[in-house]
Amino acid sequence: MSADIEPACEHEVDRLTIGMSLEQAHRLTQRLLLAEVADPTARLQRLLGKTVGTGVHVASKPKNTSGCDRLTITLSPEQGRHLTHRLAPDSDAIPAHELTTH
């Protein structure tokens, strides 16, 4: 495996390039999938990011003595509208102002 770091100029971001064999790529993919199964919060954040764009944040709160585990999803109003449309594409029944976003 090899890794090259290319520092950015003022108009670009730094770039990291990792070269690996197909077998190494397969093992990395498997480990990442297992990590997602172990952390459903990370999986949900990745899936929401793919669905409505970057900037979505998912946080988990362990259950306390009086309740159950909770997840909080933070997204922009536009992302909320996009998610609502993806969940119910044939329905405009939920106006955007009724979405609760943080």
Protein backbone atom coordinates (compact mmCIF):
# COMPACT_ATOMS: atom_id res chain seq x y z
CA MET A 1 0.00 0.00 0.00
CA SER A 2 1.27 3.50 -0.77
CA ALA A 3 0.02 6.94 0.21
CA ASP A 4 0.85 10.29 -1.34
CA ILE A 5 -0.12 13.65 0.11
CA GLU A 6 -0.45 16.60 -2.25
CA PRO A 7 -0.67 19.95 -0.43
CA ALA A 8 -3.24 22.33 -1.80
CA CYS A 9 -2.81 25.71 -3.36
CA GLU A 10 -5.08 28.52 -2.21
CA HIS A 11 -7.93 27.43 -4.55
CA GLU A 12 -7.84 23.69 -3.87
CA VAL A 13 -8.07 21.32 -0.90
CA ASP A 14 -5.29 18.98 0.18
CA ARG A 15 -5.41 15.61 -1.56
CA LEU A 16 -4.53 12.18 -0.20
CA THR A 17 -4.07 9.38 -2.74
CA ILE A 18 -3.89 5.80 -1.48
CA GLY A 19 -2.75 3.07 -3.83
CA MET A 20 -3.58 -0.54 -2.95
CA SER A 21 -4.09 -3.93 -4.50
CA LEU A 22 -7.57 -5.21 -5.29
CA GLU A 23 -7.30 -7.65 -2.37
CA GLN A 24 -6.40 -4.80 0.01
CA ALA A 25 -9.31 -2.76 -1.34
CA HIS A 26 -11.66 -5.72 -0.77
CA ARG A 27 -10.45 -6.13 2.84
CA LEU A 28 -10.79 -2.38 3.47
CA THR A 29 -14.34 -2.42 2.10
CA GLN A 30 -15.27 -5.35 4.36
CA ARG A 31 -13.83 -3.64 7.44
CA LEU A 32 -15.69 -0.42 6.67
CA LEU A 33 -18.95 -2.32 6.22
CA LEU A 34 -18.44 -4.11 9.53
CA ALA A 35 -17.72 -0.78 11.22
CA GLU A 36 -21.01 0.60 9.87
CA VAL A 37 -22.92 -2.38 11.22
CA ALA A 38 -21.31 -1.81 14.62
CA ASP A 39 -22.22 1.90 14.51
CA PRO A 40 -25.69 2.42 13.03
CA THR A 41 -25.40 6.17 13.65
CA ALA A 42 -22.49 6.40 11.19
CA ARG A 43 -24.39 4.30 8.67
CA LEU A 44 -27.47 6.53 8.92
CA GLN A 45 -25.35 9.66 8.56
CA ARG A 46 -23.66 8.25 5.44
CA LEU A 47 -26.97 7.21 3.87
CA LEU A 48 -28.60 10.57 4.62
CA GLY A 49 -25.56 12.36 3.22
CA LYS A 50 -25.91 10.39 -0.01
CA THR A 51 -29.64 11.14 -0.12
CA VAL A 52 -29.81 14.85 0.72
CA GLY A 53 -26.20 16.07 0.47
CA THR A 54 -23.33 16.80 2.78
CA GLY A 55 -23.78 18.63 6.04
CA VAL A 56 -26.23 16.23 7.64
CA HIS A 57 -25.30 15.36 11.21
CA VAL A 58 -26.59 12.38 13.19
CA ALA A 59 -25.97 12.18 16.93
CA SER A 60 -26.97 9.41 19.29
CA LYS A 61 -27.93 9.75 22.91
CA PRO A 62 -27.76 6.58 25.02
CA LYS A 63 -30.88 5.71 26.89
CA ASN A 64 -31.28 7.05 30.35
CA THR A 65 -33.19 5.43 33.17
CA SER A 66 -36.53 6.78 31.98
CA GLY A 67 -36.30 6.33 28.24
CA CYS A 68 -34.77 4.65 25.24
CA ASP A 69 -31.87 5.42 22.94
CA ARG A 70 -32.48 8.46 20.76
CA LEU A 71 -31.03 9.80 17.52
CA THR A 72 -31.02 13.45 16.54
CA ILE A 73 -30.71 14.33 12.84
CA THR A 74 -29.64 17.88 12.03
CA LEU A 75 -30.08 19.14 8.48
CA SER A 76 -30.92 22.31 6.61
CA PRO A 77 -34.54 23.17 5.72
CA GLU A 78 -33.74 22.48 2.05
CA GLN A 79 -32.33 19.07 2.95
CA GLY A 80 -35.46 18.42 5.04
CA ARG A 81 -37.68 19.21 2.05
CA HIS A 82 -35.56 16.97 -0.16
CA LEU A 83 -35.74 14.12 2.36
CA THR A 84 -39.51 14.53 2.74
CA HIS A 85 -39.90 14.41 -1.05
CA ARG A 86 -37.71 11.27 -1.26
CA LEU A 87 -39.79 9.54 1.43
CA ALA A 88 -43.14 10.49 -0.13
CA PRO A 89 -42.51 11.59 -3.75
CA ASP A 90 -46.20 11.69 -4.70
CA SER A 91 -47.28 13.73 -1.72
CA ASP A 92 -46.83 17.40 -0.94
CA ALA A 93 -48.94 16.95 2.18
CA ILE A 94 -46.21 18.18 4.55
CA PRO A 95 -45.48 21.86 3.94
CA ALA A 96 -41.86 22.86 4.40
CA HIS A 97 -42.66 25.18 7.30
CA GLU A 98 -43.95 22.19 9.31
CA LEU A 99 -40.57 20.46 9.22
CA THR A 100 -38.62 20.80 12.44
CA THR A 101 -34.93 21.33 11.70
CA HIS A 102 -32.07 22.44 13.88
